Amino acid sequence: MLDVRSFRTANCDADHYLVVAKVKERLAVSKQAAQKFNAERFKLRKLNELEFRKEYQTEVSNMFAALENLGDSQDINRVWENIQENIKTSVTESLGLYELKQHKPWFDEECLGFLDQRKQAKKEWLQGPNQRNVDNLKNVRREASNISGTKRRNI
């Protein structure tokens, strides 16, 4: 642990103070985890349907028929790369790839306005902690929480 500090002015909508610590840590990344993100994902559930299964089988058999005509004079590693490439292209053509979901942004100007109102209400409560300011802060917190929750659910 290198350094620890507390920040009273951090706006995290709680009556606690934010504590920040600097820690020196060494992380190791496994090779499998690094390779997972680069892998292509195929729509293999389409193989449960008969027409897609037949199409995939014909494409793979055509690819292997083309490979048999090459002969045995090539390097075994090159043959294996050809097999892998042919299988991947046939799967991509017949089944397709999964597309990554595009996340829609839900945080907009309306949410920002409610956060500013909450911040102002908290400042008023800290300057004069009376019952009116406490009730105002509770109401503004509730409204901000409801609006942000509704926006997240509706995306």
Protein backbone atom coordinates (compact mmCIF):
# COMPACT_ATOMS: atom_id res chain seq x y z
CA MET A 1 0.00 0.00 0.00
CA LEU A 2 1.55 3.26 -1.13
CA ASP A 3 -0.94 5.96 -0.09
CA VAL A 4 -4.39 6.28 1.50
CA ARG A 5 -6.59 9.40 1.45
CA SER A 6 -10.19 10.24 2.28
CA PHE A 7 -12.23 12.73 0.25
CA ARG A 8 -15.18 14.40 1.93
CA THR A 9 -16.35 16.22 -1.18
CA ALA A 10 -16.75 13.14 -3.37
CA ASN A 11 -20.35 12.92 -4.58
CA CYS A 12 -21.24 9.25 -4.30
CA ASP A 13 -24.72 9.81 -2.82
CA ALA A 14 -23.97 8.42 0.60
CA ASP A 15 -23.20 9.74 4.06
CA HIS A 16 -19.82 8.00 3.94
CA TYR A 17 -16.54 9.50 2.80
CA LEU A 18 -14.70 8.22 -0.22
CA VAL A 19 -11.42 6.48 0.64
CA VAL A 20 -8.82 6.16 -2.12
CA ALA A 21 -5.77 3.95 -1.76
CA LYS A 22 -2.79 3.55 -4.05
CA VAL A 23 -1.63 -0.04 -4.18
CA LYS A 24 1.25 -1.53 -6.08
CA GLU A 25 0.02 -4.75 -7.64
CA ARG A 26 1.37 -7.00 -10.34
CA LEU A 27 -1.22 -8.76 -12.45
CA ALA A 28 -0.53 -11.78 -14.58
CA VAL A 29 -2.66 -12.46 -17.64
CA SER A 30 -3.08 -16.05 -18.65
CA LYS A 31 -2.66 -16.94 -22.30
CA GLN A 32 -6.10 -18.52 -22.48
CA ALA A 33 -7.84 -15.38 -21.23
CA ALA A 34 -6.00 -13.23 -23.75
CA GLN A 35 -6.95 -15.55 -26.62
CA LYS A 36 -10.66 -15.75 -25.68
CA PHE A 37 -11.40 -12.23 -26.84
CA ASN A 38 -9.94 -12.75 -30.30
CA ALA A 39 -11.84 -15.95 -31.02
CA GLU A 40 -14.65 -15.97 -33.55
CA ARG A 41 -17.99 -17.24 -32.27
CA PHE A 42 -20.08 -19.23 -34.70
CA LYS A 43 -23.85 -19.71 -34.58
CA LEU A 44 -23.65 -23.42 -33.82
CA ARG A 45 -27.28 -23.64 -32.73
CA LYS A 46 -28.21 -23.47 -36.39
CA LEU A 47 -26.84 -27.00 -36.73
CA ASN A 48 -29.96 -28.22 -34.90
CA GLU A 49 -32.00 -27.25 -37.97
CA LEU A 50 -31.90 -29.79 -40.77
CA GLU A 51 -31.38 -27.43 -43.72
CA PHE A 52 -28.39 -25.66 -42.15
CA ARG A 53 -26.87 -29.00 -41.10
CA LYS A 54 -27.12 -30.36 -44.66
CA GLU A 55 -25.64 -27.18 -46.11
CA TYR A 56 -22.72 -27.29 -43.66
CA GLN A 57 -22.09 -31.00 -44.38
CA THR A 58 -21.98 -30.43 -48.13
CA GLU A 59 -19.62 -27.47 -47.80
CA VAL A 60 -17.23 -29.39 -45.52
CA SER A 61 -17.26 -32.43 -47.78
CA ASN A 62 -16.52 -30.21 -50.81
CA MET A 63 -13.64 -28.58 -48.95
CA PHE A 64 -12.13 -31.95 -47.99
CA ALA A 65 -12.53 -33.23 -51.54
CA ALA A 66 -10.49 -30.27 -52.73
CA LEU A 67 -7.84 -31.00 -50.08
CA GLU A 68 -7.51 -34.65 -51.14
CA ASN A 69 -6.51 -33.56 -54.63
CA LEU A 70 -3.48 -31.66 -53.31
CA GLY A 71 -1.45 -34.76 -52.51
CA ASP A 72 0.99 -35.67 -49.75
CA SER A 73 3.98 -33.65 -50.93
CA GLN A 74 3.18 -30.63 -48.75
CA ASP A 75 4.33 -29.92 -45.20
CA ILE A 76 2.02 -31.36 -42.53
CA ASN A 77 1.71 -27.97 -40.79
CA ARG A 78 0.60 -26.32 -44.02
CA VAL A 79 -1.98 -29.07 -44.58
CA TRP A 80 -3.32 -28.58 -41.06
CA GLU A 81 -3.58 -24.79 -41.62
CA ASN A 82 -5.53 -25.47 -44.83
CA ILE A 83 -7.93 -27.78 -42.98
CA GLN A 84 -8.52 -25.21 -40.25
CA GLU A 85 -9.03 -22.41 -42.74
CA ASN A 86 -11.46 -24.49 -44.82
CA ILE A 87 -13.54 -25.48 -41.81
CA LYS A 88 -13.72 -21.88 -40.59
CA THR A 89 -14.76 -20.55 -44.00
CA SER A 90 -17.41 -23.25 -44.44
CA VAL A 91 -18.85 -22.58 -40.97
CA THR A 92 -18.85 -18.83 -41.60
CA GLU A 93 -20.58 -19.21 -44.96
CA SER A 94 -23.20 -21.73 -43.88
CA LEU A 95 -23.90 -20.78 -40.24
CA GLY A 96 -22.58 -17.24 -39.79
CA LEU A 97 -20.91 -15.45 -36.88
CA TYR A 98 -22.37 -14.06 -33.69
CA GLU A 99 -22.38 -10.29 -33.71
CA LEU A 100 -21.46 -8.40 -30.56
CA LYS A 101 -24.31 -6.56 -28.88
CA GLN A 102 -24.17 -2.82 -29.21
CA HIS A 103 -24.90 -1.22 -25.85
CA LYS A 104 -27.13 1.82 -26.05
CA PRO A 105 -26.20 4.74 -23.80
CA TRP A 106 -28.87 5.44 -21.20
CA PHE A 107 -27.19 8.29 -19.35
CA ASP A 108 -28.32 11.55 -20.96
CA GLU A 109 -28.88 15.23 -20.12
CA GLU A 110 -31.98 14.47 -18.04
CA CYS A 111 -30.00 12.14 -15.77
CA LEU A 112 -27.22 14.71 -15.53
CA GLY A 113 -29.74 17.35 -14.47
CA PHE A 114 -31.08 15.14 -11.70
CA LEU A 115 -27.54 14.44 -10.49
CA ASP A 116 -26.85 18.18 -10.36
CA GLN A 117 -30.07 18.70 -8.36
CA ARG A 118 -29.00 15.94 -5.97
CA LYS A 119 -25.58 17.52 -5.56
CA GLN A 120 -27.13 20.92 -4.83
CA ALA A 121 -29.55 19.39 -2.31
CA LYS A 122 -26.68 17.65 -0.54
CA LYS A 123 -24.72 20.91 -0.34
CA GLU A 124 -27.74 22.65 1.20
CA TRP A 125 -28.14 19.80 3.70
CA LEU A 126 -24.45 19.97 4.69
CA GLN A 127 -24.62 23.74 5.16
CA GLY A 128 -27.85 23.69 7.16
CA PRO A 129 -28.92 20.25 8.39
CA ASN A 130 -32.57 21.01 9.21
CA GLN A 131 -35.61 18.85 8.54
CA ARG A 132 -36.61 20.73 5.37
CA ASN A 133 -33.19 20.13 3.79
CA VAL A 134 -33.24 16.45 4.85
CA ASP A 135 -36.67 15.93 3.25
CA ASN A 136 -35.58 17.78 0.11
CA LEU A 137 -32.46 15.61 -0.19
CA LYS A 138 -34.50 12.41 0.25
CA ASN A 139 -36.99 13.47 -2.43
CA VAL A 140 -34.28 14.46 -4.91
CA ARG A 141 -32.38 11.21 -4.28
CA ARG A 142 -35.55 9.19 -4.86
CA GLU A 143 -36.33 11.04 -8.10
CA ALA A 144 -32.78 10.64 -9.42
CA SER A 145 -32.75 6.95 -8.57
CA ASN A 146 -36.14 6.38 -10.20
CA ILE A 147 -35.23 8.22 -13.39
CA SER A 148 -31.86 6.48 -13.81
CA GLY A 149 -33.40 3.06 -13.09
CA THR A 150 -36.20 3.65 -15.57
CA LYS A 151 -33.75 4.74 -18.27
CA ARG A 152 -31.56 1.66 -17.74
CA ARG A 153 -34.51 -0.71 -17.91
CA ASN A 154 -35.94 0.88 -21.06
CA ILE A 155 -32.84 0.63 -23.27
